[in-house]
Protein backbone atom coordinates (compact mmCIF):
# COMPACT_ATOMS: atom_id res chain seq x y z
CA UNK A 1 85.86 115.07 108.05
CA UNK A 2 89.63 114.75 107.72
CA UNK A 3 91.56 117.00 105.35
CA UNK A 4 95.04 116.11 104.17
CA UNK A 5 96.45 118.31 101.42
CA UNK A 6 93.78 118.30 98.67
CA UNK A 7 92.01 115.18 99.90
CA UNK A 8 88.90 115.26 102.05
CA UNK A 9 88.24 111.97 103.82
CA UNK A 10 85.14 110.77 105.60
CA UNK A 11 85.60 110.13 109.33
CA UNK A 12 84.70 106.50 108.58
CA UNK A 13 88.27 105.95 107.43
CA UNK A 14 89.35 106.42 111.05
CA UNK A 15 86.26 105.01 112.80
CA UNK A 16 85.41 101.87 110.83
CA UNK A 17 87.24 98.56 110.96
CA UNK A 18 88.03 96.45 107.91
CA UNK A 19 90.18 93.51 106.85
CA UNK A 20 89.36 91.82 103.56
CA UNK A 21 87.99 88.34 104.29
CA UNK A 22 88.36 86.64 100.93
CA UNK A 23 87.49 83.22 102.37
CA UNK A 24 84.00 84.51 103.19
CA UNK A 25 83.24 86.96 100.36
CA UNK A 26 84.97 84.94 97.62
CA UNK A 27 86.09 88.17 95.92
CA UNK A 28 82.50 89.12 95.09
CA UNK A 29 83.53 92.72 94.40
CA UNK A 30 85.11 91.47 91.13
CA UNK A 31 81.77 90.11 90.01
CA UNK A 32 79.02 92.17 91.61
CA UNK A 33 77.96 95.62 90.52
CA UNK A 34 76.84 97.49 87.42
CA UNK A 35 80.28 98.50 86.14
CA UNK A 36 83.82 97.23 85.95
CA UNK A 37 86.51 98.67 88.21
CA UNK A 38 86.86 102.45 87.96
CA UNK A 39 90.06 103.54 86.21
CA UNK A 40 91.97 106.79 86.45
CA UNK A 41 92.94 108.54 83.23
CA UNK A 42 96.63 107.92 84.00
CA UNK A 43 95.96 104.17 84.16
CA UNK A 44 94.48 103.90 80.66
CA UNK A 45 97.76 103.58 78.72
CA UNK A 46 99.06 101.18 81.38
CA UNK A 47 96.06 98.88 80.91
CA UNK A 48 96.79 98.67 77.17
CA UNK A 49 100.54 98.30 77.71
CA UNK A 50 100.32 95.38 80.17
CA UNK A 51 97.76 93.32 78.29
CA UNK A 52 100.19 90.87 76.64
CA UNK A 53 102.05 90.37 79.94
CA UNK A 54 98.91 89.60 81.92
CA UNK A 55 97.06 87.65 79.24
CA UNK A 56 98.16 84.23 80.62
CA UNK A 57 96.51 85.19 83.93
CA UNK A 58 93.10 85.95 82.42
CA UNK A 59 90.15 83.76 81.54
CA UNK A 60 89.41 83.06 77.84
CA UNK A 61 86.15 85.01 78.26
CA UNK A 62 88.01 87.96 79.80
CA UNK A 63 90.59 87.98 76.99
CA UNK A 64 87.82 87.87 74.39
CA UNK A 65 86.01 90.85 75.97
CA UNK A 66 89.20 92.90 76.31
CA UNK A 67 90.08 92.21 72.68
CA UNK A 68 86.52 93.12 71.64
CA UNK A 69 85.87 96.14 73.93
CA UNK A 70 89.42 97.35 74.53
CA UNK A 71 91.50 97.45 77.70
CA UNK A 72 89.03 99.94 79.19
CA UNK A 73 85.58 101.32 78.41
CA UNK A 74 83.78 104.58 78.96
CA UNK A 75 80.88 103.66 81.21
CA UNK A 76 77.36 105.07 81.26
CA UNK A 77 78.47 107.76 83.72
CA UNK A 78 81.16 108.96 81.30
CA UNK A 79 83.98 107.56 83.47
CA UNK A 80 86.58 104.97 82.59
CA UNK A 81 86.27 101.43 83.86
CA UNK A 82 87.41 97.91 83.09
CA UNK A 83 85.35 95.97 80.55
CA UNK A 84 83.02 93.30 81.85
CA UNK A 85 82.21 89.76 80.79
CA UNK A 86 78.50 89.38 80.04
CA UNK A 87 77.79 92.52 82.10
CA UNK A 88 78.78 90.71 85.31
CA UNK A 89 82.43 90.11 86.17
CA UNK A 90 85.43 92.32 85.51
CA UNK A 91 87.23 91.06 82.40
CA UNK A 92 90.50 91.04 84.37
CA UNK A 93 89.05 88.78 87.07
CA UNK A 94 89.48 85.05 87.11
CA UNK A 95 87.27 82.59 88.96
CA UNK A 96 89.38 79.96 90.71
CA UNK A 97 88.30 76.33 91.14
CA UNK A 98 87.45 77.21 94.76
CA UNK A 99 84.84 79.67 93.49
CA UNK A 100 86.90 82.67 94.61
CA UNK A 101 87.48 85.55 92.21
CA UNK A 102 91.06 86.79 91.87
CA UNK A 103 92.64 89.61 89.87
CA UNK A 104 94.67 88.51 86.87
CA UNK A 105 96.60 91.78 86.93
CA UNK A 106 97.57 91.28 90.57
CA UNK A 107 98.57 87.66 89.95
CA UNK A 108 100.85 88.76 87.10
CA UNK A 109 102.29 91.48 89.38
CA UNK A 110 103.01 88.96 92.15
CA UNK A 111 104.77 86.76 89.59
CA UNK A 112 106.92 89.71 88.47
CA UNK A 113 105.35 89.95 85.00
CA UNK A 114 104.28 93.59 85.44
CA UNK A 115 105.08 96.47 87.79
CA UNK A 116 101.42 97.55 87.85
CA UNK A 117 99.71 95.95 90.86
CA UNK A 118 96.08 96.57 89.90
CA UNK A 119 93.81 99.59 89.36
CA UNK A 120 94.09 101.98 92.30
CA UNK A 121 90.30 101.84 92.75
CA UNK A 122 90.59 98.11 93.51
CA UNK A 123 93.58 98.61 95.79
CA UNK A 124 91.76 101.35 97.73
CA UNK A 125 88.47 99.49 98.06
CA UNK A 126 86.22 100.03 100.10
CA UNK A 127 87.21 103.68 99.67
CA UNK A 128 85.91 105.35 96.53
CA UNK A 129 87.35 108.62 95.23
CA UNK A 130 85.26 111.38 93.70
CA UNK A 131 87.36 114.00 91.91
CA UNK A 132 86.46 117.67 91.95
CA UNK A 133 88.35 120.62 90.45
CA UNK A 134 90.11 121.60 93.67
CA UNK A 135 90.08 118.40 95.76
CA UNK A 136 89.34 114.69 95.93
CA UNK A 137 86.69 113.25 98.24
CA UNK A 138 87.46 109.84 99.74
CA UNK A 139 84.31 108.10 100.94
CA UNK A 140 83.75 104.73 102.54
CA UNK A 141 81.60 102.59 100.26
CA UNK A 142 79.36 100.31 102.33
CA UNK A 143 78.38 97.10 100.57
CA UNK A 144 76.77 94.07 102.17
CA UNK A 145 79.24 91.73 100.46
CA UNK A 146 81.93 93.28 102.67
CA UNK A 147 80.17 92.53 105.95
CA UNK A 148 82.64 89.70 106.71
CA UNK A 149 85.53 92.16 106.19
CA UNK A 150 83.97 94.60 108.64
CA UNK A 151 83.52 91.83 111.20
CA UNK A 152 87.08 90.57 110.79
CA UNK A 153 88.48 94.10 110.98
CA UNK A 154 86.59 94.73 114.20
CA UNK A 155 87.70 91.41 115.66
CA UNK A 156 91.34 92.15 114.81
CA UNK A 157 91.08 95.86 115.73
CA UNK A 158 92.28 97.10 112.33
CA UNK A 159 90.86 100.51 111.35
CA UNK A 160 90.21 101.14 107.68
CA UNK A 161 93.10 103.62 107.29
CA UNK A 162 95.56 101.00 108.64
CA UNK A 163 94.17 98.28 106.36
CA UNK A 164 94.58 100.65 103.39
CA UNK A 165 98.07 101.88 104.32
CA UNK A 166 99.77 100.45 101.21
CA UNK A 167 97.03 101.63 98.86
CA UNK A 168 96.84 105.14 100.36
CA UNK A 169 100.64 105.40 100.27
CA UNK A 170 100.67 104.23 96.65
CA UNK A 171 98.08 106.86 95.73
CA UNK A 172 99.25 109.85 97.76
CA UNK A 173 102.77 109.08 99.04
CA UNK A 174 104.39 108.24 102.37
CA UNK A 175 104.41 111.81 103.73
CA UNK A 176 100.71 112.20 102.97
CA UNK A 177 99.91 108.93 104.77
CA UNK A 178 101.98 109.95 107.81
CA UNK A 179 100.08 113.24 107.93
CA UNK A 180 96.78 111.32 107.81
CA UNK A 181 97.88 109.13 110.72
CA UNK A 182 98.87 112.22 112.77
CA UNK A 183 95.49 113.85 112.15
CA UNK A 184 93.62 110.68 113.13
CA UNK A 185 95.72 110.22 116.26
CA UNK A 186 95.04 113.86 117.20
CA UNK A 187 91.31 113.28 116.69
CA UNK A 188 91.51 110.33 119.09
CA UNK A 189 93.34 112.43 121.71
CA UNK A 190 90.80 115.23 121.46
CA UNK A 191 87.77 112.92 121.62
């Protein structure tokens, strides 16, 4: 267990290797699962605010579901998540001609149409955050669709915390990330 400020992280973040391998998985995380992408309460007004800017980057089915369900839904666990199309794919995801799923929000961000990159839960994946009153628990979510990413990460020697540097920095800040790196490096020295 690694503790940085009010975040408790599984050791997997230091021990496991990971580099997203979109050519192999085809962005299956946008389509597979029971729920849309988890959303933080602070992201809810942003999702509504950016809709018109990202609309050209979404599928007609995704637009229809967002207009019908709203920019977010309260899921069966009582948490916020993105709406889904036919209970399968995230409404903000777009299936390319190649068969690969991409994020319409991220595409709009890369084109400078919004300053919001994508939900932090997507940016942090395969780490999932569970919030408690006094702390947040960051756990590595193992999913067979990410097996190619684990293999590529191992081949390239990229630990999970390095792969997620931008996402972790976005969520917690540069100083927090630097503290995480120091703690992991100290773990390695003491091993």
